Amino acid sequence: MANGTLGQADLAAATDTTVYTVPASLTATVNVSMVNEGTTTAAVRLAVAAAGTPTTAEYLEYDAILGVGDVLERTGVVISTGKNVVARSSIADIAVNVHGYEA
């Protein structure tokens, strides 16, 4: 069981990226932050998905706008075993961090 930082990624533009997967037989409670480190506005997506390509129903955020230096945070997200935290951005320069604990 891990605690603390569970996953981190620098997103490539227009690419679904699995940042964290809940290990077998565990659940996780996580906080997710996405920060725009670039010089242009970004449209970002965040999902808790069964696979690396989310379905429409699995999105927590869909094309939310992040200005330069802006942060999007989702806290207290409880995730079932085997599920993935998947992020996507219209631009590169978006950093994603998943922090929490597994039980």
Protein backbone atom coordinates (compact mmCIF):
# COMPACT_ATOMS: atom_id res chain seq x y z
CA MET A 1 0.00 0.00 0.00
CA ALA A 2 1.40 3.33 -1.05
CA ASN A 3 0.77 6.70 0.55
CA GLY A 4 1.74 10.18 -0.59
CA THR A 5 2.59 10.72 -4.25
CA LEU A 6 0.90 7.99 -6.30
CA GLY A 7 1.49 9.35 -9.80
CA GLN A 8 2.91 12.27 -11.76
CA ALA A 9 2.99 13.14 -15.46
CA ASP A 10 3.86 15.92 -17.89
CA LEU A 11 1.17 15.68 -20.54
CA ALA A 12 1.80 15.56 -24.27
CA ALA A 13 -0.71 17.53 -26.35
CA ALA A 14 -3.93 15.74 -27.37
CA THR A 15 -2.94 12.42 -25.78
CA ASP A 16 -4.75 10.44 -23.07
CA THR A 17 -2.25 9.72 -20.29
CA THR A 18 -2.82 7.25 -17.46
CA VAL A 19 -1.28 8.95 -14.44
CA TYR A 20 -2.19 6.35 -11.81
CA THR A 21 -3.83 2.91 -11.61
CA VAL A 22 -5.28 1.51 -8.38
CA PRO A 23 -3.54 -1.81 -7.63
CA ALA A 24 -5.49 -5.07 -7.43
CA SER A 25 -7.45 -5.67 -4.21
CA LEU A 26 -7.09 -2.05 -3.08
CA THR A 27 -9.08 1.16 -3.20
CA ALA A 28 -7.55 4.62 -3.20
CA THR A 29 -8.56 8.05 -1.99
CA VAL A 30 -6.77 10.69 -4.03
CA ASN A 31 -6.36 14.37 -4.70
CA VAL A 32 -5.53 15.33 -8.29
CA SER A 33 -4.01 18.62 -9.39
CA MET A 34 -3.35 19.85 -12.92
CA VAL A 35 -1.26 22.99 -13.44
CA ASN A 36 -0.69 24.95 -16.64
CA GLU A 37 3.05 25.62 -16.82
CA GLY A 38 2.85 26.84 -20.43
CA THR A 39 2.37 30.20 -22.11
CA THR A 40 -1.10 29.60 -23.59
CA THR A 41 -4.54 28.60 -22.34
CA ALA A 42 -5.31 24.86 -22.23
CA ALA A 43 -8.46 22.76 -22.37
CA VAL A 44 -7.99 19.82 -19.99
CA ARG A 45 -9.84 16.58 -19.27
CA LEU A 46 -9.74 14.35 -16.22
CA ALA A 47 -11.36 10.94 -15.84
CA VAL A 48 -11.53 7.91 -13.57
CA ALA A 49 -11.73 5.16 -16.14
CA ALA A 50 -11.69 1.41 -16.55
CA ALA A 51 -9.19 1.75 -19.43
CA GLY A 52 -6.65 4.24 -20.76
CA THR A 53 -9.27 5.74 -23.09
CA PRO A 54 -12.21 7.05 -21.04
CA THR A 55 -15.83 6.73 -22.06
CA THR A 56 -18.12 9.76 -21.89
CA ALA A 57 -19.56 8.75 -18.50
CA GLU A 58 -16.13 8.48 -16.84
CA TYR A 59 -15.07 12.15 -17.06
CA LEU A 60 -14.81 14.34 -13.96
CA GLU A 61 -13.73 17.35 -16.06
CA TYR A 62 -14.16 17.78 -19.82
CA ASP A 63 -12.40 20.60 -21.67
CA ALA A 64 -12.11 22.73 -18.52
CA ILE A 65 -10.14 25.87 -19.33
CA LEU A 66 -6.81 26.41 -17.56
CA GLY A 67 -5.19 29.78 -18.10
CA VAL A 68 -1.45 30.30 -17.78
CA GLY A 69 -0.46 29.40 -14.21
CA ASP A 70 -3.95 28.16 -13.31
CA VAL A 71 -4.52 25.02 -11.24
CA LEU A 72 -7.44 22.58 -11.37
CA GLU A 73 -7.86 20.42 -8.26
CA ARG A 74 -10.15 17.53 -7.43
CA THR A 75 -9.97 16.29 -3.84
CA GLY A 76 -11.25 13.28 -1.94
CA VAL A 77 -11.86 11.14 -5.03
CA VAL A 78 -12.40 7.50 -3.99
CA ILE A 79 -11.38 5.03 -6.70
CA SER A 80 -12.10 1.30 -6.99
CA THR A 81 -9.53 -1.40 -7.64
CA GLY A 82 -8.13 -1.47 -11.18
CA LYS A 83 -9.46 1.98 -12.16
CA ASN A 84 -7.21 4.58 -13.79
CA VAL A 85 -6.77 8.32 -13.37
CA VAL A 86 -6.53 9.53 -16.98
CA ALA A 87 -5.65 13.10 -18.01
CA ARG A 88 -5.53 14.92 -21.35
CA SER A 89 -4.72 18.45 -22.50
CA SER A 90 -4.96 20.44 -25.70
CA ILE A 91 -1.35 21.58 -25.18
CA ALA A 92 1.84 20.21 -23.64
CA ASP A 93 3.11 21.96 -20.47
CA ILE A 94 0.41 20.58 -18.18
CA ALA A 95 1.70 18.83 -15.05
CA VAL A 96 -0.55 16.32 -13.27
CA ASN A 97 -0.01 15.09 -9.71
CA VAL A 98 -1.99 12.40 -7.89
CA HIS A 99 -1.56 12.26 -4.11
CA GLY A 100 -3.39 10.10 -1.60
CA TYR A 101 -3.46 6.68 -0.01
CA GLU A 102 -4.34 3.11 -0.82
CA ALA A 103 -6.16 0.73 1.51
